[in-house]
Amino acid sequence: MSEMRRRPNESFESFMRRAKKRWQASGKLLQVKKVQFFEVEKSRNMRRRSAVRRKQLTDKTEYLRKVGRLPEEDRFQDKRW
Protein backbone atom coordinates (compact mmCIF):
# COMPACT_ATOMS: atom_id res chain seq x y z
CA MET A 1 0.00 0.00 0.00
CA SER A 2 1.40 3.38 -0.93
CA GLU A 3 1.63 5.97 1.76
CA MET A 4 0.58 9.53 0.99
CA ARG A 5 0.40 12.51 3.27
CA ARG A 6 -1.36 15.78 2.92
CA ARG A 7 0.83 18.67 1.98
CA PRO A 8 0.83 21.76 4.18
CA ASN A 9 -2.22 23.95 3.45
CA GLU A 10 -3.66 21.35 1.06
CA SER A 11 -7.40 20.89 1.16
CA PHE A 12 -8.85 17.46 1.70
CA GLU A 13 -10.53 17.50 -1.72
CA SER A 14 -7.29 18.22 -3.56
CA PHE A 15 -5.51 15.55 -1.50
CA MET A 16 -8.17 12.98 -2.47
CA ARG A 17 -7.96 14.04 -6.11
CA ARG A 18 -4.18 13.56 -6.05
CA ALA A 19 -4.52 10.17 -4.33
CA LYS A 20 -7.11 8.97 -6.84
CA LYS A 21 -4.88 9.98 -9.73
CA ARG A 22 -2.01 8.04 -8.20
CA TRP A 23 -4.17 4.94 -7.61
CA GLN A 24 -5.53 5.17 -11.16
CA ALA A 25 -2.03 5.39 -12.61
CA SER A 26 -0.78 2.43 -10.59
CA GLY A 27 -3.69 0.23 -11.72
CA LYS A 28 -4.85 -0.58 -8.20
CA LEU A 29 -8.38 0.67 -8.80
CA LEU A 30 -8.81 -1.63 -11.79
CA GLN A 31 -7.46 -4.57 -9.83
CA VAL A 32 -9.81 -3.91 -6.90
CA LYS A 33 -12.84 -3.63 -9.18
CA LYS A 34 -11.94 -6.90 -10.92
CA VAL A 35 -11.73 -8.69 -7.58
CA GLN A 36 -14.85 -7.03 -6.18
CA PHE A 37 -17.13 -7.90 -9.07
CA PHE A 38 -15.64 -11.27 -10.01
CA GLU A 39 -18.25 -13.98 -10.11
CA VAL A 40 -17.40 -17.63 -10.45
CA GLU A 41 -19.29 -19.13 -13.36
CA LYS A 42 -21.74 -21.80 -12.27
CA SER A 43 -22.18 -25.00 -14.15
CA ARG A 44 -25.21 -25.45 -16.38
CA ASN A 45 -26.86 -27.85 -13.92
CA MET A 46 -26.40 -25.43 -11.01
CA ARG A 47 -27.97 -22.59 -13.01
CA ARG A 48 -30.91 -24.82 -13.90
CA ARG A 49 -31.38 -25.94 -10.29
CA SER A 50 -31.39 -22.38 -9.02
CA ALA A 51 -33.86 -21.35 -11.74
CA VAL A 52 -36.19 -24.20 -10.84
CA ARG A 53 -35.94 -23.34 -7.14
CA ARG A 54 -36.68 -19.67 -7.85
CA LYS A 55 -39.70 -20.63 -9.95
CA GLN A 56 -41.00 -22.94 -7.22
CA LEU A 57 -40.71 -20.23 -4.58
CA THR A 58 -42.49 -17.62 -6.69
CA ASP A 59 -45.27 -20.08 -7.54
CA LYS A 60 -45.69 -20.97 -3.87
CA THR A 61 -45.89 -17.34 -2.74
CA GLU A 62 -48.35 -16.51 -5.54
CA TYR A 63 -50.55 -19.44 -4.51
CA LEU A 64 -50.48 -18.41 -0.85
CA ARG A 65 -51.42 -14.85 -1.81
CA LYS A 66 -54.33 -16.07 -3.92
CA VAL A 67 -55.56 -18.33 -1.12
CA GLY A 68 -55.27 -15.44 1.33
CA ARG A 69 -52.61 -16.79 3.65
CA LEU A 70 -50.12 -14.09 2.70
CA PRO A 71 -51.04 -10.40 2.69
CA GLU A 72 -50.90 -8.50 -0.56
CA GLU A 73 -47.75 -6.42 -0.86
CA ASP A 74 -47.85 -2.81 -1.77
CA ARG A 75 -44.73 -2.54 -3.89
CA PHE A 76 -44.32 1.21 -3.50
CA GLN A 77 -45.11 1.44 0.21
CA ASP A 78 -41.62 0.73 1.60
CA LYS A 79 -39.67 2.92 -0.81
CA ARG A 80 -38.56 6.15 0.76
CA TRP A 81 -36.94 8.60 -1.61
PDB file of N, CA and C in Angstrom:
ATOM      1  N   MET A   1       0.847  -1.175   0.000  1.00  0.00           N
ATOM      2  CA  MET A   1       0.000   0.000   0.000  1.00  0.00           C
ATOM      3  C   MET A   1       0.893   1.239   0.000  1.00  0.00           C
ATOM      4  N   SER A   2       0.598   2.167  -0.855  1.00  0.00           N
ATOM      5  CA  SER A   2       1.401   3.378  -0.927  1.00  0.00           C
ATOM      6  C   SER A   2       0.964   4.347   0.163  1.00  0.00           C
ATOM      7  N   GLU A   3       1.932   5.029   0.696  1.00  0.00           N
ATOM      8  CA  GLU A   3       1.629   5.972   1.761  1.00  0.00           C
ATOM      9  C   GLU A   3       1.685   7.386   1.200  1.00  0.00           C
ATOM     10  N   MET A   4       0.633   8.136   1.446  1.00  0.00           N
ATOM     11  CA  MET A   4       0.579   9.526   0.993  1.00  0.00           C
ATOM     12  C   MET A   4       0.187  10.388   2.178  1.00  0.00           C
ATOM     13  N   ARG A   5       0.743  11.567   2.201  1.00  0.00           N
ATOM     14  CA  ARG A   5       0.404  12.510   3.266  1.00  0.00           C
ATOM     15  C   ARG A   5      -0.048  13.815   2.659  1.00  0.00           C
ATOM     16  N   ARG A   6      -0.903  14.479   3.393  1.00  0.00           N
ATOM     17  CA  ARG A   6      -1.361  15.783   2.922  1.00  0.00           C
ATOM     18  C   ARG A   6      -0.231  16.789   3.006  1.00  0.00           C
ATOM     19  N   ARG A   7      -0.165  17.608   1.983  1.00  0.00           N
ATOM     20  CA  ARG A   7       0.831  18.670   1.978  1.00  0.00           C
ATOM     21  C   ARG A   7       0.346  19.797   2.890  1.00  0.00           C
ATOM     22  N   PRO A   8       1.264  20.630   3.340  1.00  0.00           N
ATOM     23  CA  PRO A   8       0.831  21.762   4.180  1.00  0.00           C
ATOM     24  C   PRO A   8      -0.121  22.672   3.391  1.00  0.00           C
ATOM     25  N   ASN A   9      -1.193  23.069   4.027  1.00  0.00           N
ATOM     26  CA  ASN A   9      -2.216  23.954   3.448  1.00  0.00           C
ATOM     27  C   ASN A   9      -2.927  23.330   2.237  1.00  0.00           C
ATOM     28  N   GLU A  10      -2.948  22.015   2.156  1.00  0.00           N
ATOM     29  CA  GLU A  10      -3.656  21.348   1.057  1.00  0.00           C
ATOM     30  C   GLU A  10      -5.042  20.945   1.550  1.00  0.00           C
ATOM     31  N   SER A  11      -6.043  21.255   0.759  1.00  0.00           N
ATOM     32  CA  SER A  11      -7.403  20.890   1.163  1.00  0.00           C
ATOM     33  C   SER A  11      -7.587  19.382   1.022  1.00  0.00           C
ATOM     34  N   PHE A  12      -8.585  18.891   1.739  1.00  0.00           N
ATOM     35  CA  PHE A  12      -8.849  17.456   1.702  1.00  0.00           C
ATOM     36  C   PHE A  12      -9.270  17.013   0.300  1.00  0.00           C
ATOM     37  N   GLU A  13     -10.064  17.843  -0.378  1.00  0.00           N
ATOM     38  CA  GLU A  13     -10.532  17.501  -1.722  1.00  0.00           C
ATOM     39  C   GLU A  13      -9.363  17.364  -2.706  1.00  0.00           C
ATOM     40  N   SER A  14      -8.425  18.299  -2.643  1.00  0.00           N
ATOM     41  CA  SER A  14      -7.286  18.225  -3.562  1.00  0.00           C
ATOM     42  C   SER A  14      -6.398  17.029  -3.206  1.00  0.00           C
ATOM     43  N   PHE A  15      -6.285  16.717  -1.910  1.00  0.00           N
ATOM     44  CA  PHE A  15      -5.514  15.548  -1.505  1.00  0.00           C
ATOM     45  C   PHE A  15      -6.152  14.276  -2.051  1.00  0.00           C
ATOM     46  N   MET A  16      -7.475  14.165  -1.954  1.00  0.00           N
ATOM     47  CA  MET A  16      -8.168  12.984  -2.467  1.00  0.00           C
ATOM     48  C   MET A  16      -8.036  12.897  -3.978  1.00  0.00           C
ATOM     49  N   ARG A  17      -8.106  14.024  -4.661  1.00  0.00           N
ATOM     50  CA  ARG A  17      -7.959  14.039  -6.108  1.00  0.00           C
ATOM     51  C   ARG A  17      -6.560  13.525  -6.496  1.00  0.00           C
ATOM     52  N   ARG A  18      -5.564  13.991  -5.779  1.00  0.00           N
ATOM     53  CA  ARG A  18      -4.184  13.560  -6.049  1.00  0.00           C
ATOM     54  C   ARG A  18      -4.007  12.069  -5.755  1.00  0.00           C
ATOM     55  N   ALA A  19      -4.612  11.593  -4.680  1.00  0.00           N
ATOM     56  CA  ALA A  19      -4.517  10.174  -4.327  1.00  0.00           C
ATOM     57  C   ALA A  19      -5.212   9.310  -5.375  1.00  0.00           C
ATOM     58  N   LYS A  20      -6.380   9.744  -5.819  1.00  0.00           N
ATOM     59  CA  LYS A  20      -7.110   8.970  -6.836  1.00  0.00           C
ATOM     60  C   LYS A  20      -6.337   8.891  -8.141  1.00  0.00           C
ATOM     61  N   LYS A  21      -5.705   9.988  -8.517  1.00  0.00           N
ATOM     62  CA  LYS A  21      -4.885   9.979  -9.734  1.00  0.00           C
ATOM     63  C   LYS A  21      -3.742   8.977  -9.594  1.00  0.00           C
ATOM     64  N   ARG A  22      -3.128   8.946  -8.427  1.00  0.00           N
ATOM     65  CA  ARG A  22      -2.007   8.043  -8.199  1.00  0.00           C
ATOM     66  C   ARG A  22      -2.469   6.583  -8.230  1.00  0.00           C
ATOM     67  N   TRP A  23      -3.630   6.311  -7.603  1.00  0.00           N
ATOM     68  CA  TRP A  23      -4.173   4.942  -7.610  1.00  0.00           C
ATOM     69  C   TRP A  23      -4.554   4.521  -9.032  1.00  0.00           C
ATOM     70  N   GLN A  24      -5.128   5.462  -9.782  1.00  0.00           N
ATOM     71  CA  GLN A  24      -5.526   5.170 -11.159  1.00  0.00           C
ATOM     72  C   GLN A  24      -4.296   4.837 -12.007  1.00  0.00           C
ATOM     73  N   ALA A  25      -3.246   5.602 -11.827  1.00  0.00           N
ATOM     74  CA  ALA A  25      -2.034   5.390 -12.610  1.00  0.00           C
ATOM     75  C   ALA A  25      -1.363   4.067 -12.254  1.00  0.00           C
ATOM     76  N   SER A  26      -1.442   3.669 -11.000  1.00  0.00           N
ATOM     77  CA  SER A  26      -0.778   2.428 -10.588  1.00  0.00           C
ATOM     78  C   SER A  26      -1.581   1.194 -10.983  1.00  0.00           C
ATOM     79  N   GLY A  27      -2.856   1.361 -11.320  1.00  0.00           N
ATOM     80  CA  GLY A  27      -3.686   0.227 -11.717  1.00  0.00           C
ATOM     81  C   GLY A  27      -4.350  -0.487 -10.567  1.00  0.00           C
ATOM     82  N   LYS A  28      -4.251   0.063  -9.369  1.00  0.00           N
ATOM     83  CA  LYS A  28      -4.851  -0.584  -8.200  1.00  0.00           C
ATOM     84  C   LYS A  28      -6.368  -0.526  -8.231  1.00  0.00           C
ATOM     85  N   LEU A  29      -6.923   0.567  -8.735  1.00  0.00           N
ATOM     86  CA  LEU A  29      -8.377   0.674  -8.800  1.00  0.00           C
ATOM     87  C   LEU A  29      -8.962  -0.389  -9.711  1.00  0.00           C
ATOM     88  N   LEU A  30      -8.335  -0.599 -10.869  1.00  0.00           N
ATOM     89  CA  LEU A  30      -8.809  -1.631 -11.791  1.00  0.00           C
ATOM     90  C   LEU A  30      -8.733  -3.012 -11.161  1.00  0.00           C
ATOM     91  N   GLN A  31      -7.653  -3.275 -10.468  1.00  0.00           N
ATOM     92  CA  GLN A  31      -7.464  -4.569  -9.831  1.00  0.00           C
ATOM     93  C   GLN A  31      -8.520  -4.800  -8.752  1.00  0.00           C
ATOM     94  N   VAL A  32      -8.817  -3.789  -7.959  1.00  0.00           N
ATOM     95  CA  VAL A  32      -9.813  -3.914  -6.896  1.00  0.00           C
ATOM     96  C   VAL A  32     -11.195  -4.158  -7.490  1.00  0.00           C
ATOM     97  N   LYS A  33     -11.529  -3.449  -8.559  1.00  0.00           N
ATOM     98  CA  LYS A  33     -12.839  -3.634  -9.181  1.00  0.00           C
ATOM     99  C   LYS A  33     -12.970  -5.031  -9.776  1.00  0.00           C
ATOM    100  N   LYS A  34     -11.890  -5.550 -10.357  1.00  0.00           N
ATOM    101  CA  LYS A  34     -11.940  -6.899 -10.915  1.00  0.00           C
ATOM    102  C   LYS A  34     -12.197  -7.924  -9.818  1.00  0.00           C
ATOM    103  N   VAL A  35     -11.553  -7.756  -8.683  1.00  0.00           N
ATOM    104  CA  VAL A  35     -11.726  -8.693  -7.578  1.00  0.00           C
ATOM    105  C   VAL A  35     -13.115  -8.529  -6.969  1.00  0.00           C
ATOM    106  N   GLN A  36     -13.572  -7.298  -6.838  1.00  0.00           N
ATOM    107  CA  GLN A  36     -14.846  -7.027  -6.180  1.00  0.00           C
ATOM    108  C   GLN A  36     -16.017  -7.600  -6.959  1.00  0.00           C
ATOM    109  N   PHE A  37     -15.998  -7.489  -8.269  1.00  0.00           N
ATOM    110  CA  PHE A  37     -17.134  -7.901  -9.074  1.00  0.00           C
ATOM    111  C   PHE A  37     -16.925  -9.247  -9.756  1.00  0.00           C
ATOM    112  N   PHE A  38     -15.882  -9.975  -9.397  1.00  0.00           N
ATOM    113  CA  PHE A  38     -15.637 -11.274 -10.007  1.00  0.00           C
ATOM    114  C   PHE A  38     -16.683 -12.257  -9.524  1.00  0.00           C
ATOM    115  N   GLU A  39     -17.240 -12.997 -10.452  1.00  0.00           N
ATOM    116  CA  GLU A  39     -18.253 -13.977 -10.107  1.00  0.00           C
ATOM    117  C   GLU A  39     -17.863 -15.299 -10.755  1.00  0.00           C
ATOM    118  N   VAL A  40     -17.764 -16.331  -9.942  1.00  0.00           N
ATOM    119  CA  VAL A  40     -17.398 -17.634 -10.451  1.00  0.00           C
ATOM    120  C   VAL A  40     -18.558 -18.164 -11.294  1.00  0.00           C
ATOM    121  N   GLU A  41     -18.244 -18.636 -12.481  1.00  0.00           N
ATOM    122  CA  GLU A  41     -19.287 -19.132 -13.360  1.00  0.00           C
ATOM    123  C   GLU A  41     -19.799 -20.469 -12.842  1.00  0.00           C
ATOM    124  N   LYS A  42     -21.129 -20.565 -12.740  1.00  0.00           N
ATOM    125  CA  LYS A  42     -21.736 -21.803 -12.268  1.00  0.00           C
ATOM    126  C   LYS A  42     -21.905 -22.757 -13.445  1.00  0.00           C
ATOM    127  N   SER A  43     -21.961 -24.023 -13.106  1.00  0.00           N
ATOM    128  CA  SER A  43     -22.180 -25.005 -14.150  1.00  0.00           C
ATOM    129  C   SER A  43     -23.620 -24.902 -14.649  1.00  0.00           C
ATOM    130  N   ARG A  44     -23.881 -25.526 -15.775  1.00  0.00           N
ATOM    131  CA  ARG A  44     -25.213 -25.449 -16.384  1.00  0.00           C
ATOM    132  C   ARG A  44     -26.263 -26.065 -15.459  1.00  0.00           C
ATOM    133  N   ASN A  45     -25.912 -27.193 -14.820  1.00  0.00           N
ATOM    134  CA  ASN A  45     -26.864 -27.847 -13.918  1.00  0.00           C
ATOM    135  C   ASN A  45     -27.167 -26.977 -12.708  1.00  0.00           C
ATOM    136  N   MET A  46     -26.173 -26.289 -12.168  1.00  0.00           N
ATOM    137  CA  MET A  46     -26.397 -25.426 -11.012  1.00  0.00           C
ATOM    138  C   MET A  46     -27.307 -24.260 -11.379  1.00  0.00           C
ATOM    139  N   ARG A  47     -27.101 -23.684 -12.577  1.00  0.00           N
ATOM    140  CA  ARG A  47     -27.970 -22.594 -13.014  1.00  0.00           C
ATOM    141  C   ARG A  47     -29.404 -23.077 -13.168  1.00  0.00           C
ATOM    142  N   ARG A  48     -29.565 -24.268 -13.730  1.00  0.00           N
ATOM    143  CA  ARG A  48     -30.907 -24.824 -13.900  1.00  0.00           C
ATOM    144  C   ARG A  48     -31.565 -25.091 -12.563  1.00  0.00           C
ATOM    145  N   ARG A  49     -30.824 -25.659 -11.618  1.00  0.00           N
ATOM    146  CA  ARG A  49     -31.384 -25.940 -10.292  1.00  0.00           C
ATOM    147  C   ARG A  49     -31.837 -24.657  -9.601  1.00  0.00           C
ATOM    148  N   SER A  50     -31.009 -23.637  -9.684  1.00  0.00           N
ATOM    149  CA  SER A  50     -31.389 -22.384  -9.018  1.00  0.00           C
ATOM    150  C   SER A  50     -32.588 -21.748  -9.711  1.00  0.00           C
ATOM    151  N   ALA A  51     -32.697 -21.887 -11.030  1.00  0.00           N
ATOM    152  CA  ALA A  51     -33.856 -21.346 -11.742  1.00  0.00           C
ATOM    153  C   ALA A  51     -35.122 -22.091 -11.354  1.00  0.00           C
ATOM    154  N   VAL A  52     -35.020 -23.404 -11.236  1.00  0.00           N
ATOM    155  CA  VAL A  52     -36.190 -24.203 -10.836  1.00  0.00           C
ATOM    156  C   VAL A  52     -36.608 -23.836  -9.417  1.00  0.00           C
ATOM    157  N   ARG A  53     -35.643 -23.700  -8.541  1.00  0.00           N
ATOM    158  CA  ARG A  53     -35.936 -23.341  -7.140  1.00  0.00           C
ATOM    159  C   ARG A  53     -36.601 -21.967  -7.063  1.00  0.00           C
ATOM    160  N   ARG A  54     -36.086 -21.014  -7.816  1.00  0.00           N
ATOM    161  CA  ARG A  54     -36.682 -19.672  -7.847  1.00  0.00           C
ATOM    162  C   ARG A  54     -38.117 -19.714  -8.336  1.00  0.00           C
ATOM    163  N   LYS A  55     -38.353 -20.499  -9.390  1.00  0.00           N
ATOM    164  CA  LYS A  55     -39.697 -20.632  -9.946  1.00  0.00           C
ATOM    165  C   LYS A  55     -40.643 -21.266  -8.944  1.00  0.00           C
ATOM    166  N   GLN A  56     -40.168 -22.288  -8.224  1.00  0.00           N
ATOM    167  CA  GLN A  56     -41.005 -22.942  -7.216  1.00  0.00           C
ATOM    168  C   GLN A  56     -41.379 -21.974  -6.100  1.00  0.00           C
ATOM    169  N   LEU A  57     -40.429 -21.179  -5.656  1.00  0.00           N
ATOM    170  CA  LEU A  57     -40.705 -20.228  -4.577  1.00  0.00           C
ATOM    171  C   LEU A  57     -41.698 -19.159  -5.010  1.00  0.00           C
ATOM    172  N   THR A  58     -41.551 -18.645  -6.231  1.00  0.00           N
ATOM    173  CA  THR A  58     -42.489 -17.617  -6.693  1.00  0.00           C
ATOM    174  C   THR A  58     -43.876 -18.204  -6.881  1.00  0.00           C
ATOM    175  N   ASP A  59     -43.962 -19.446  -7.385  1.00  0.00           N
ATOM    176  CA  ASP A  59     -45.267 -20.084  -7.541  1.00  0.00           C
ATOM    177  C   ASP A  59     -45.938 -20.306  -6.194  1.00  0.00           C
ATOM    178  N   LYS A  60     -45.138 -20.722  -5.207  1.00  0.00           N
ATOM    179  CA  LYS A  60     -45.691 -20.972  -3.872  1.00  0.00           C
ATOM    180  C   LYS A  60     -46.208 -19.682  -3.240  1.00  0.00           C
ATOM    181  N   THR A  61     -45.426 -18.605  -3.340  1.00  0.00           N
ATOM    182  CA  THR A  61     -45.888 -17.345  -2.740  1.00  0.00           C
ATOM    183  C   THR A  61     -47.116 -16.803  -3.472  1.00  0.00           C
ATOM    184  N   GLU A  62     -47.163 -16.946  -4.795  1.00  0.00           N
ATOM    185  CA  GLU A  62     -48.349 -16.506  -5.539  1.00  0.00           C
ATOM    186  C   GLU A  62     -49.577 -17.298  -5.119  1.00  0.00           C
ATOM    187  N   TYR A  63     -49.423 -18.601  -4.944  1.00  0.00           N
ATOM    188  CA  TYR A  63     -50.546 -19.442  -4.513  1.00  0.00           C
ATOM    189  C   TYR A  63     -51.029 -19.020  -3.133  1.00  0.00           C
ATOM    190  N   LEU A  64     -50.093 -18.805  -2.210  1.00  0.00           N
ATOM    191  CA  LEU A  64     -50.479 -18.411  -0.853  1.00  0.00           C
ATOM    192  C   LEU A  64     -51.161 -17.044  -0.843  1.00  0.00           C
ATOM    193  N   ARG A  65     -50.747 -16.145  -1.725  1.00  0.00           N
ATOM    194  CA  ARG A  65     -51.416 -14.846  -1.809  1.00  0.00           C
ATOM    195  C   ARG A  65     -52.837 -15.005  -2.337  1.00  0.00           C
ATOM    196  N   LYS A  66     -53.004 -15.860  -3.349  1.00  0.00           N
ATOM    197  CA  LYS A  66     -54.331 -16.070  -3.923  1.00  0.00           C
ATOM    198  C   LYS A  66     -55.272 -16.710  -2.916  1.00  0.00           C
ATOM    199  N   VAL A  67     -54.745 -17.652  -2.122  1.00  0.00           N
ATOM    200  CA  VAL A  67     -55.557 -18.326  -1.123  1.00  0.00           C
ATOM    201  C   VAL A  67     -55.882 -17.386   0.034  1.00  0.00           C
ATOM    202  N   GLY A  68     -55.036 -16.407   0.269  1.00  0.00           N
ATOM    203  CA  GLY A  68     -55.274 -15.440   1.335  1.00  0.00           C
ATOM    204  C   GLY A  68     -54.448 -15.676   2.565  1.00  0.00           C
ATOM    205  N   ARG A  69     -53.467 -16.526   2.486  1.00  0.00           N
ATOM    206  CA  ARG A  69     -52.615 -16.795   3.647  1.00  0.00           C
ATOM    207  C   ARG A  69     -51.449 -15.826   3.751  1.00  0.00           C
ATOM    208  N   LEU A  70     -51.144 -15.135   2.675  1.00  0.00           N
ATOM    209  CA  LEU A  70     -50.116 -14.092   2.696  1.00  0.00           C
ATOM    210  C   LEU A  70     -50.782 -12.775   2.342  1.00  0.00           C
ATOM    211  N   PRO A  71     -50.439 -11.699   3.032  1.00  0.00           N
ATOM    212  CA  PRO A  71     -51.044 -10.404   2.694  1.00  0.00           C
ATOM    213  C   PRO A  71     -50.508  -9.884   1.365  1.00  0.00           C
ATOM    214  N   GLU A  72     -51.327  -9.124   0.688  1.00  0.00           N
ATOM    215  CA  GLU A  72     -50.902  -8.504  -0.561  1.00  0.00           C
ATOM    216  C   GLU A  72     -49.852  -7.451  -0.248  1.00  0.00           C
ATOM    217  N   GLU A  73     -48.815  -7.402  -1.059  1.00  0.00           N
ATOM    218  CA  GLU A  73     -47.754  -6.420  -0.859  1.00  0.00           C
ATOM    219  C   GLU A  73     -48.045  -5.178  -1.660  1.00  0.00           C
ATOM    220  N   ASP A  74     -47.810  -4.054  -1.030  1.00  0.00           N
ATOM    221  CA  ASP A  74     -47.852  -2.809  -1.766  1.00  0.00           C
ATOM    222  C   ASP A  74     -46.414  -2.514  -2.166  1.00  0.00           C
ATOM    223  N   ARG A  75     -46.113  -2.617  -3.436  1.00  0.00           N
ATOM    224  CA  ARG A  75     -44.729  -2.542  -3.895  1.00  0.00           C
ATOM    225  C   ARG A  75     -44.092  -1.187  -3.638  1.00  0.00           C
ATOM    226  N   PHE A  76     -44.890  -0.132  -3.620  1.00  0.00           N
ATOM    227  CA  PHE A  76     -44.317   1.207  -3.503  1.00  0.00           C
ATOM    228  C   PHE A  76     -44.412   1.752  -2.077  1.00  0.00           C
ATOM    229  N   GLN A  77     -44.912   0.977  -1.155  1.00  0.00           N
ATOM    230  CA  GLN A  77     -45.113   1.444   0.206  1.00  0.00           C
ATOM    231  C   GLN A  77     -43.786   1.621   0.956  1.00  0.00           C
ATOM    232  N   ASP A  78     -42.851   0.698   0.805  1.00  0.00           N
ATOM    233  CA  ASP A  78     -41.620   0.726   1.599  1.00  0.00           C
ATOM    234  C   ASP A  78     -40.547   1.643   1.021  1.00  0.00           C
ATOM    235  N   LYS A  79     -40.700   2.083  -0.204  1.00  0.00           N
ATOM    236  CA  LYS A  79     -39.667   2.924  -0.809  1.00  0.00           C
ATOM    237  C   LYS A  79     -39.755   4.337  -0.253  1.00  0.00           C
ATOM    238  N   ARG A  80     -38.636   4.793   0.249  1.00  0.00           N
ATOM    239  CA  ARG A  80     -38.563   6.155   0.762  1.00  0.00           C
ATOM    240  C   ARG A  80     -37.498   6.897  -0.025  1.00  0.00           C
ATOM    241  N   TRP A  81     -37.885   7.858  -0.779  1.00  0.00           N
ATOM    242  CA  TRP A  81     -36.942   8.599  -1.614  1.00  0.00           C
ATOM    243  C   TRP A  81     -36.535   9.779  -0.888  1.00  0.00           C
TER     244      TRP A  81
END
